Amino acid sequence: MPNGTSAPPEPPRLNGGPNGWGRLLGLIGVPGAIAFYLVWWLTEGLGTRLDRMIQLLEQIARAVKAHGV
């Protein structure tokens, strides 16, 4: 610093800094957090239906393979 003065001390951080959620929000930002939440919300709602569709497709594939088509 000029004139031989030292920098003011930094304010203390709570528990050593932001927790994991704070770091994630700092990394991806608010728009990223909103997008992350929307993807999670959609997959939660559609997850069960997608699992059932995949099971049905696997059953159809096994049936077709068993009949030698």
PDB file of N, CA and C in Angstrom:
ATOM      1  N   MET A   1       0.855  -1.175   0.000  1.00  0.00           N
ATOM      2  CA  MET A   1       0.000   0.000   0.000  1.00  0.00           C
ATOM      3  C   MET A   1       0.894   1.228   0.000  1.00  0.00           C
ATOM      4  N   PRO A   2       0.432   2.329  -0.579  1.00  0.00           N
ATOM      5  CA  PRO A   2       1.231   3.550  -0.601  1.00  0.00           C
ATOM      6  C   PRO A   2       1.367   4.130   0.812  1.00  0.00           C
ATOM      7  N   ASN A   3       2.386   4.918   0.992  1.00  0.00           N
ATOM      8  CA  ASN A   3       2.668   5.605   2.254  1.00  0.00           C
ATOM      9  C   ASN A   3       2.941   4.651   3.408  1.00  0.00           C
ATOM     10  N   GLY A   4       3.265   3.415   3.133  1.00  0.00           N
ATOM     11  CA  GLY A   4       3.631   2.479   4.171  1.00  0.00           C
ATOM     12  C   GLY A   4       2.481   1.998   5.041  1.00  0.00           C
ATOM     13  N   THR A   5       1.243   2.216   4.639  1.00  0.00           N
ATOM     14  CA  THR A   5       0.113   1.745   5.439  1.00  0.00           C
ATOM     15  C   THR A   5      -0.250   0.336   5.003  1.00  0.00           C
ATOM     16  N   SER A   6      -0.784  -0.408   5.905  1.00  0.00           N
ATOM     17  CA  SER A   6      -1.178  -1.778   5.578  1.00  0.00           C
ATOM     18  C   SER A   6      -2.662  -1.809   5.215  1.00  0.00           C
ATOM     19  N   ALA A   7      -3.037  -2.874   4.557  1.00  0.00           N
ATOM     20  CA  ALA A   7      -4.428  -3.037   4.138  1.00  0.00           C
ATOM     21  C   ALA A   7      -5.289  -3.306   5.361  1.00  0.00           C
ATOM     22  N   PRO A   8      -6.541  -2.870   5.346  1.00  0.00           N
ATOM     23  CA  PRO A   8      -7.429  -3.165   6.486  1.00  0.00           C
ATOM     24  C   PRO A   8      -7.679  -4.658   6.564  1.00  0.00           C
ATOM     25  N   PRO A   9      -7.885  -5.171   7.751  1.00  0.00           N
ATOM     26  CA  PRO A   9      -8.115  -6.622   7.884  1.00  0.00           C
ATOM     27  C   PRO A   9      -9.432  -7.021   7.230  1.00  0.00           C
ATOM     28  N   GLU A  10      -9.441  -8.241   6.701  1.00  0.00           N
ATOM     29  CA  GLU A  10     -10.668  -8.758   6.085  1.00  0.00           C
ATOM     30  C   GLU A  10     -11.672  -9.103   7.173  1.00  0.00           C
ATOM     31  N   PRO A  11     -12.963  -8.955   6.881  1.00  0.00           N
ATOM     32  CA  PRO A  11     -13.956  -9.353   7.878  1.00  0.00           C
ATOM     33  C   PRO A  11     -13.919 -10.863   8.066  1.00  0.00           C
ATOM     34  N   PRO A  12     -14.196 -11.344   9.245  1.00  0.00           N
ATOM     35  CA  PRO A  12     -14.149 -12.800   9.475  1.00  0.00           C
ATOM     36  C   PRO A  12     -15.248 -13.512   8.700  1.00  0.00           C
ATOM     37  N   ARG A  13     -14.924 -14.691   8.213  1.00  0.00           N
ATOM     38  CA  ARG A  13     -15.909 -15.513   7.501  1.00  0.00           C
ATOM     39  C   ARG A  13     -16.582 -16.446   8.487  1.00  0.00           C
ATOM     40  N   LEU A  14     -17.823 -16.718   8.234  1.00  0.00           N
ATOM     41  CA  LEU A  14     -18.562 -17.642   9.090  1.00  0.00           C
ATOM     42  C   LEU A  14     -18.155 -19.069   8.765  1.00  0.00           C
ATOM     43  N   ASN A  15     -17.682 -19.782   9.734  1.00  0.00           N
ATOM     44  CA  ASN A  15     -17.304 -21.195   9.584  1.00  0.00           C
ATOM     45  C   ASN A  15     -16.348 -21.433   8.423  1.00  0.00           C
ATOM     46  N   GLY A  16     -15.480 -20.508   8.145  1.00  0.00           N
ATOM     47  CA  GLY A  16     -14.453 -20.724   7.118  1.00  0.00           C
ATOM     48  C   GLY A  16     -14.910 -20.461   5.700  1.00  0.00           C
ATOM     49  N   GLY A  17     -16.039 -19.858   5.456  1.00  0.00           N
ATOM     50  CA  GLY A  17     -16.472 -19.537   4.099  1.00  0.00           C
ATOM     51  C   GLY A  17     -17.825 -20.131   3.780  1.00  0.00           C
ATOM     52  N   PRO A  18     -18.251 -19.946   2.552  1.00  0.00           N
ATOM     53  CA  PRO A  18     -19.582 -20.448   2.176  1.00  0.00           C
ATOM     54  C   PRO A  18     -19.608 -21.976   2.161  1.00  0.00           C
ATOM     55  N   ASN A  19     -20.777 -22.514   2.456  1.00  0.00           N
ATOM     56  CA  ASN A  19     -20.921 -23.971   2.427  1.00  0.00           C
ATOM     57  C   ASN A  19     -21.038 -24.454   0.980  1.00  0.00           C
ATOM     58  N   GLY A  20     -21.337 -25.721   0.799  1.00  0.00           N
ATOM     59  CA  GLY A  20     -21.397 -26.301  -0.543  1.00  0.00           C
ATOM     60  C   GLY A  20     -22.438 -25.648  -1.441  1.00  0.00           C
ATOM     61  N   TRP A  21     -23.604 -25.306  -0.861  1.00  0.00           N
ATOM     62  CA  TRP A  21     -24.646 -24.669  -1.672  1.00  0.00           C
ATOM     63  C   TRP A  21     -24.211 -23.281  -2.106  1.00  0.00           C
ATOM     64  N   GLY A  22     -23.547 -22.560  -1.216  1.00  0.00           N
ATOM     65  CA  GLY A  22     -23.064 -21.226  -1.571  1.00  0.00           C
ATOM     66  C   GLY A  22     -22.011 -21.279  -2.654  1.00  0.00           C
ATOM     67  N   ARG A  23     -21.123 -22.275  -2.578  1.00  0.00           N
ATOM     68  CA  ARG A  23     -20.098 -22.432  -3.620  1.00  0.00           C
ATOM     69  C   ARG A  23     -20.731 -22.792  -4.957  1.00  0.00           C
ATOM     70  N   LEU A  24     -21.727 -23.686  -4.911  1.00  0.00           N
ATOM     71  CA  LEU A  24     -22.411 -24.077  -6.142  1.00  0.00           C
ATOM     72  C   LEU A  24     -23.110 -22.881  -6.776  1.00  0.00           C
ATOM     73  N   LEU A  25     -23.802 -22.095  -5.954  1.00  0.00           N
ATOM     74  CA  LEU A  25     -24.478 -20.915  -6.476  1.00  0.00           C
ATOM     75  C   LEU A  25     -23.469 -19.921  -7.037  1.00  0.00           C
ATOM     76  N   GLY A  26     -22.334 -19.765  -6.383  1.00  0.00           N
ATOM     77  CA  GLY A  26     -21.294 -18.880  -6.895  1.00  0.00           C
ATOM     78  C   GLY A  26     -20.702 -19.378  -8.197  1.00  0.00           C
ATOM     79  N   LEU A  27     -20.673 -20.686  -8.363  1.00  0.00           N
ATOM     80  CA  LEU A  27     -20.092 -21.268  -9.574  1.00  0.00           C
ATOM     81  C   LEU A  27     -21.029 -21.154 -10.772  1.00  0.00           C
ATOM     82  N   ILE A  28     -22.311 -21.478 -10.580  1.00  0.00           N
ATOM     83  CA  ILE A  28     -23.232 -21.504 -11.717  1.00  0.00           C
ATOM     84  C   ILE A  28     -24.111 -20.263 -11.803  1.00  0.00           C
ATOM     85  N   GLY A  29     -24.190 -19.471 -10.741  1.00  0.00           N
ATOM     86  CA  GLY A  29     -24.994 -18.253 -10.766  1.00  0.00           C
ATOM     87  C   GLY A  29     -26.470 -18.540 -10.571  1.00  0.00           C
ATOM     88  N   VAL A  30     -27.230 -17.476 -10.458  1.00  0.00           N
ATOM     89  CA  VAL A  30     -28.674 -17.610 -10.224  1.00  0.00           C
ATOM     90  C   VAL A  30     -29.384 -18.237 -11.427  1.00  0.00           C
ATOM     91  N   PRO A  31     -29.100 -17.819 -12.674  1.00  0.00           N
ATOM     92  CA  PRO A  31     -29.773 -18.480 -13.815  1.00  0.00           C
ATOM     93  C   PRO A  31     -29.460 -19.975 -13.883  1.00  0.00           C
ATOM     94  N   GLY A  32     -28.232 -20.337 -13.575  1.00  0.00           N
ATOM     95  CA  GLY A  32     -27.873 -21.753 -13.569  1.00  0.00           C
ATOM     96  C   GLY A  32     -28.605 -22.513 -12.488  1.00  0.00           C
ATOM     97  N   ALA A  33     -28.767 -21.883 -11.316  1.00  0.00           N
ATOM     98  CA  ALA A  33     -29.499 -22.533 -10.219  1.00  0.00           C
ATOM     99  C   ALA A  33     -30.961 -22.737 -10.597  1.00  0.00           C
ATOM    100  N   ILE A  34     -31.548 -21.758 -11.271  1.00  0.00           N
ATOM    101  CA  ILE A  34     -32.938 -21.890 -11.716  1.00  0.00           C
ATOM    102  C   ILE A  34     -33.057 -23.019 -12.738  1.00  0.00           C
ATOM    103  N   ALA A  35     -32.129 -23.081 -13.685  1.00  0.00           N
ATOM    104  CA  ALA A  35     -32.153 -24.141 -14.692  1.00  0.00           C
ATOM    105  C   ALA A  35     -31.959 -25.510 -14.043  1.00  0.00           C
ATOM    106  N   PHE A  36     -31.053 -25.595 -13.085  1.00  0.00           N
ATOM    107  CA  PHE A  36     -30.803 -26.842 -12.357  1.00  0.00           C
ATOM    108  C   PHE A  36     -32.073 -27.306 -11.652  1.00  0.00           C
ATOM    109  N   TYR A  37     -32.756 -26.378 -10.989  1.00  0.00           N
ATOM    110  CA  TYR A  37     -33.998 -26.720 -10.284  1.00  0.00           C
ATOM    111  C   TYR A  37     -35.064 -27.190 -11.270  1.00  0.00           C
ATOM    112  N   LEU A  38     -35.214 -26.517 -12.410  1.00  0.00           N
ATOM    113  CA  LEU A  38     -36.231 -26.916 -13.386  1.00  0.00           C
ATOM    114  C   LEU A  38     -35.964 -28.307 -13.939  1.00  0.00           C
ATOM    115  N   VAL A  39     -34.703 -28.610 -14.217  1.00  0.00           N
ATOM    116  CA  VAL A  39     -34.367 -29.952 -14.711  1.00  0.00           C
ATOM    117  C   VAL A  39     -34.695 -30.990 -13.650  1.00  0.00           C
ATOM    118  N   TRP A  40     -34.342 -30.707 -12.393  1.00  0.00           N
ATOM    119  CA  TRP A  40     -34.652 -31.639 -11.308  1.00  0.00           C
ATOM    120  C   TRP A  40     -36.162 -31.834 -11.183  1.00  0.00           C
ATOM    121  N   TRP A  41     -36.919 -30.745 -11.246  1.00  0.00           N
ATOM    122  CA  TRP A  41     -38.375 -30.806 -11.093  1.00  0.00           C
ATOM    123  C   TRP A  41     -39.010 -31.629 -12.207  1.00  0.00           C
ATOM    124  N   LEU A  42     -38.547 -31.400 -13.453  1.00  0.00           N
ATOM    125  CA  LEU A  42     -39.102 -32.159 -14.582  1.00  0.00           C
ATOM    126  C   LEU A  42     -38.771 -33.641 -14.479  1.00  0.00           C
ATOM    127  N   THR A  43     -37.535 -33.965 -14.120  1.00  0.00           N
ATOM    128  CA  THR A  43     -37.168 -35.376 -14.038  1.00  0.00           C
ATOM    129  C   THR A  43     -37.864 -36.067 -12.880  1.00  0.00           C
ATOM    130  N   GLU A  44     -38.132 -35.364 -11.792  1.00  0.00           N
ATOM    131  CA  GLU A  44     -38.892 -35.959 -10.690  1.00  0.00           C
ATOM    132  C   GLU A  44     -40.302 -36.307 -11.151  1.00  0.00           C
ATOM    133  N   GLY A  45     -40.927 -35.393 -11.881  1.00  0.00           N
ATOM    134  CA  GLY A  45     -42.294 -35.616 -12.330  1.00  0.00           C
ATOM    135  C   GLY A  45     -42.406 -36.669 -13.413  1.00  0.00           C
ATOM    136  N   LEU A  46     -41.429 -36.724 -14.294  1.00  0.00           N
ATOM    137  CA  LEU A  46     -41.497 -37.651 -15.421  1.00  0.00           C
ATOM    138  C   LEU A  46     -40.747 -38.953 -15.167  1.00  0.00           C
ATOM    139  N   GLY A  47     -39.971 -39.005 -14.093  1.00  0.00           N
ATOM    140  CA  GLY A  47     -39.109 -40.157 -13.841  1.00  0.00           C
ATOM    141  C   GLY A  47     -39.851 -41.471 -13.769  1.00  0.00           C
ATOM    142  N   THR A  48     -40.955 -41.504 -13.040  1.00  0.00           N
ATOM    143  CA  THR A  48     -41.707 -42.749 -12.883  1.00  0.00           C
ATOM    144  C   THR A  48     -42.301 -43.195 -14.211  1.00  0.00           C
ATOM    145  N   ARG A  49     -42.847 -42.245 -14.956  1.00  0.00           N
ATOM    146  CA  ARG A  49     -43.431 -42.602 -16.255  1.00  0.00           C
ATOM    147  C   ARG A  49     -42.355 -43.073 -17.230  1.00  0.00           C
ATOM    148  N   LEU A  50     -41.189 -42.419 -17.207  1.00  0.00           N
ATOM    149  CA  LEU A  50     -40.100 -42.839 -18.091  1.00  0.00           C
ATOM    150  C   LEU A  50     -39.616 -44.241 -17.735  1.00  0.00           C
ATOM    151  N   ASP A  51     -39.520 -44.538 -16.450  1.00  0.00           N
ATOM    152  CA  ASP A  51     -39.108 -45.880 -16.030  1.00  0.00           C
ATOM    153  C   ASP A  51     -40.082 -46.934 -16.539  1.00  0.00           C
ATOM    154  N   ARG A  52     -41.363 -46.637 -16.441  1.00  0.00           N
ATOM    155  CA  ARG A  52     -42.376 -47.595 -16.915  1.00  0.00           C
ATOM    156  C   ARG A  52     -42.289 -47.783 -18.433  1.00  0.00           C
ATOM    157  N   MET A  53     -42.084 -46.702 -19.177  1.00  0.00           N
ATOM    158  CA  MET A  53     -41.954 -46.803 -20.638  1.00  0.00           C
ATOM    159  C   MET A  53     -40.729 -47.629 -21.014  1.00  0.00           C
ATOM    160  N   ILE A  54     -39.625 -47.428 -20.304  1.00  0.00           N
ATOM    161  CA  ILE A  54     -38.410 -48.184 -20.590  1.00  0.00           C
ATOM    162  C   ILE A  54     -38.631 -49.663 -20.301  1.00  0.00           C
ATOM    163  N   GLN A  55     -39.317 -49.978 -19.210  1.00  0.00           N
ATOM    164  CA  GLN A  55     -39.615 -51.378 -18.898  1.00  0.00           C
ATOM    165  C   GLN A  55     -40.457 -52.023 -19.992  1.00  0.00           C
ATOM    166  N   LEU A  56     -41.464 -51.297 -20.470  1.00  0.00           N
ATOM    167  CA  LEU A  56     -42.315 -51.846 -21.530  1.00  0.00           C
ATOM    168  C   LEU A  56     -41.526 -52.061 -22.813  1.00  0.00           C
ATOM    169  N   LEU A  57     -40.661 -51.118 -23.157  1.00  0.00           N
ATOM    170  CA  LEU A  57     -39.838 -51.285 -24.366  1.00  0.00           C
ATOM    171  C   LEU A  57     -38.895 -52.477 -24.232  1.00  0.00           C
ATOM    172  N   GLU A  58     -38.343 -52.677 -23.043  1.00  0.00           N
ATOM    173  CA  GLU A  58     -37.470 -53.834 -22.836  1.00  0.00           C
ATOM    174  C   GLU A  58     -38.257 -55.140 -22.957  1.00  0.00           C
ATOM    175  N   GLN A  59     -39.470 -55.167 -22.447  1.00  0.00           N
ATOM    176  CA  GLN A  59     -40.302 -56.368 -22.570  1.00  0.00           C
ATOM    177  C   GLN A  59     -40.623 -56.649 -24.031  1.00  0.00           C
ATOM    178  N   ILE A  60     -40.940 -55.616 -24.783  1.00  0.00           N
ATOM    179  CA  ILE A  60     -41.228 -55.791 -26.217  1.00  0.00           C
ATOM    180  C   ILE A  60     -40.000 -56.303 -26.943  1.00  0.00           C
ATOM    181  N   ALA A  61     -38.831 -55.742 -26.636  1.00  0.00           N
ATOM    182  CA  ALA A  61     -37.590 -56.184 -27.288  1.00  0.00           C
ATOM    183  C   ALA A  61     -37.293 -57.655 -26.968  1.00  0.00           C
ATOM    184  N   ARG A  62     -37.514 -58.062 -25.716  1.00  0.00           N
ATOM    185  CA  ARG A  62     -37.299 -59.466 -25.360  1.00  0.00           C
ATOM    186  C   ARG A  62     -38.281 -60.376 -26.074  1.00  0.00           C
ATOM    187  N   ALA A  63     -39.548 -59.946 -26.190  1.00  0.00           N
ATOM    188  CA  ALA A  63     -40.553 -60.766 -26.857  1.00  0.00           C
ATOM    189  C   ALA A  63     -40.225 -60.923 -28.343  1.00  0.00           C
ATOM    190  N   VAL A  64     -39.788 -59.849 -28.967  1.00  0.00           N
ATOM    191  CA  VAL A  64     -39.445 -59.909 -30.385  1.00  0.00           C
ATOM    192  C   VAL A  64     -38.227 -60.799 -30.585  1.00  0.00           C
ATOM    193  N   LYS A  65     -37.258 -60.687 -29.695  1.00  0.00           N
ATOM    194  CA  LYS A  65     -36.038 -61.510 -29.798  1.00  0.00           C
ATOM    195  C   LYS A  65     -36.364 -62.984 -29.556  1.00  0.00           C
ATOM    196  N   ALA A  66     -37.294 -63.273 -28.648  1.00  0.00           N
ATOM    197  CA  ALA A  66     -37.657 -64.657 -28.326  1.00  0.00           C
ATOM    198  C   ALA A  66     -38.364 -65.330 -29.506  1.00  0.00           C
ATOM    199  N   HIS A  67     -39.132 -64.558 -30.274  1.00  0.00           N
ATOM    200  CA  HIS A  67     -39.839 -65.115 -31.421  1.00  0.00           C
ATOM    201  C   HIS A  67     -38.952 -65.174 -32.658  1.00  0.00           C
ATOM    202  N   GLY A  68     -37.718 -64.715 -32.582  1.00  0.00           N
ATOM    203  CA  GLY A  68     -36.774 -64.827 -33.695  1.00  0.00           C
ATOM    204  C   GLY A  68     -37.061 -63.913 -34.852  1.00  0.00           C
ATOM    205  N   VAL A  69     -37.683 -62.810 -34.607  1.00  0.00           N
ATOM    206  CA  VAL A  69     -38.003 -61.888 -35.702  1.00  0.00           C
ATOM    207  C   VAL A  69     -36.815 -60.997 -35.974  1.00  0.00           C
TER     208      VAL A  69
END
